[in-house]
Protein backbone atom coordinates (compact mmCIF):
# COMPACT_ATOMS: atom_id res chain seq x y z
CA MET A 1 -43.86 -38.24 5.33
CA PRO A 2 -46.45 -40.16 3.27
CA SER A 3 -50.01 -39.23 4.01
CA THR A 4 -52.51 -41.80 5.21
CA PRO A 5 -55.83 -41.84 3.37
CA ASP A 6 -59.13 -41.72 5.20
CA PRO A 7 -60.92 -45.08 5.37
CA GLY A 8 -62.95 -45.54 2.21
CA ASP A 9 -60.74 -43.25 0.10
CA VAL A 10 -59.67 -44.71 -3.21
CA PRO A 11 -55.95 -44.19 -3.86
CA GLU A 12 -55.04 -41.96 -6.79
CA VAL A 13 -53.37 -43.99 -9.56
CA LEU A 14 -50.01 -42.73 -10.78
CA THR A 15 -48.71 -44.37 -13.95
CA ILE A 16 -44.95 -44.17 -14.27
CA MET A 17 -43.64 -43.92 -17.82
CA PRO A 18 -40.81 -42.12 -19.58
CA ASP A 19 -41.44 -38.52 -20.54
CA TRP A 20 -39.97 -36.08 -23.08
CA GLY A 21 -40.73 -33.15 -20.78
CA SER A 22 -38.82 -31.80 -17.84
CA SER A 23 -36.21 -33.99 -16.20
CA GLN A 24 -38.07 -33.18 -12.97
CA ARG A 25 -41.18 -35.07 -14.07
CA VAL A 26 -41.89 -38.62 -15.17
CA ALA A 27 -45.53 -39.03 -16.14
CA GLY A 28 -47.49 -37.92 -13.15
CA VAL A 29 -44.78 -37.72 -10.51
CA PHE A 30 -43.43 -34.25 -9.86
CA SER A 31 -40.16 -35.48 -8.47
CA PRO A 32 -39.26 -32.69 -5.98
CA SER A 33 -41.73 -34.42 -3.65
CA LEU A 34 -39.42 -37.47 -3.70
CA SER A 35 -36.02 -38.07 -2.12
CA SER A 36 -32.90 -36.82 -3.88
CA GLU A 37 -31.67 -40.39 -4.45
CA LEU A 38 -34.95 -41.42 -6.08
CA ARG A 39 -35.03 -38.28 -8.26
CA THR A 40 -31.52 -39.15 -9.49
CA ARG A 41 -32.60 -42.70 -10.37
CA ILE A 42 -35.71 -41.42 -12.18
CA ARG A 43 -33.66 -38.96 -14.25
CA ALA A 44 -31.11 -41.65 -15.20
CA TRP A 45 -33.90 -44.08 -16.16
CA ASN A 46 -35.68 -41.45 -18.24
CA ASP A 47 -32.44 -40.33 -19.90
CA GLU A 48 -31.64 -43.91 -20.87
CA TRP A 49 -35.02 -44.07 -22.63
CA LYS A 50 -34.41 -40.76 -24.42
CA PHE A 51 -30.81 -41.23 -25.47
CA ILE A 52 -30.18 -44.98 -25.74
CA LEU A 53 -33.56 -46.26 -26.88
CA ASN A 54 -34.14 -42.96 -28.75
CA PRO A 55 -37.78 -43.74 -29.59
CA GLN A 56 -38.12 -40.76 -31.96
CA LYS A 57 -37.32 -43.02 -34.88
CA THR A 58 -37.92 -46.59 -33.74
CA ILE A 59 -38.11 -48.66 -30.57
CA HIS A 60 -34.89 -50.64 -30.71
CA TRP A 61 -32.51 -51.32 -27.83
CA PRO A 62 -28.86 -51.74 -28.86
CA GLU A 63 -28.88 -55.08 -26.99
CA PRO A 64 -31.95 -56.85 -25.56
CA GLU A 65 -30.26 -57.09 -22.14
CA VAL A 66 -30.04 -53.28 -21.97
CA GLY A 67 -33.79 -53.11 -22.47
CA ARG A 68 -34.46 -55.84 -19.90
CA GLN A 69 -32.34 -53.97 -17.34
CA TRP A 70 -34.23 -50.75 -18.13
CA ILE A 71 -37.58 -52.51 -17.58
CA ALA A 72 -36.27 -54.01 -14.30
CA GLU A 73 -35.14 -50.58 -13.09
CA GLY A 74 -38.55 -49.17 -14.06
CA ASN A 75 -40.25 -51.82 -11.94
CA ALA A 76 -37.89 -51.06 -9.05
CA LEU A 77 -38.71 -47.35 -9.42
CA VAL A 78 -42.44 -48.10 -9.25
CA GLU A 79 -41.87 -49.89 -5.93
CA ALA A 80 -39.60 -47.14 -4.56
CA ILE A 81 -42.00 -44.36 -5.57
CA GLN A 82 -44.87 -46.29 -3.99
CA ALA A 83 -42.89 -46.64 -0.76
CA GLU A 84 -42.11 -42.92 -0.63
CA LEU A 85 -45.59 -41.68 -1.55
CA GLY A 86 -47.49 -44.09 0.67
CA SER A 87 -50.98 -45.50 0.42
CA ARG A 88 -52.62 -42.30 -0.81
CA TYR A 89 -51.39 -43.37 -4.27
CA ARG A 90 -51.31 -46.61 -6.23
CA VAL A 91 -48.21 -46.48 -8.40
CA VAL A 92 -48.17 -48.58 -11.58
CA GLY A 93 -45.77 -48.96 -14.50
CA GLY A 94 -46.75 -47.84 -17.98
CA PHE A 95 -43.61 -48.76 -19.88
CA ALA A 96 -44.07 -52.44 -20.85
CA ASP A 97 -44.42 -51.49 -24.53
CA TYR A 98 -40.72 -50.58 -24.51
CA ALA A 99 -39.58 -54.07 -23.50
CA PRO A 100 -37.17 -55.59 -26.03
CA GLU A 101 -38.35 -58.45 -28.14
CA SER A 102 -37.21 -61.80 -26.82
């Protein structure tokens, strides 16, 4: 259950972005604290970044629509993570730089 901050507490900011590390972590969110469904979505989103965008060499989506869908899913994940973690955190996206060129 999400914790409720004391009045006057400033929420901790969690920036969600893809990560090369463990599939259990996406930049600040240790996912075992989240629901199984949300952890699955986070892993799929992160894997798409690693294996389809493959930013080791260049940031280039195979099709711009694939990149737009990835950004949309990232935004949906930010909202879902916020809902699960509650008001103790302020969840923000840090992945706009990966948006495909229009």
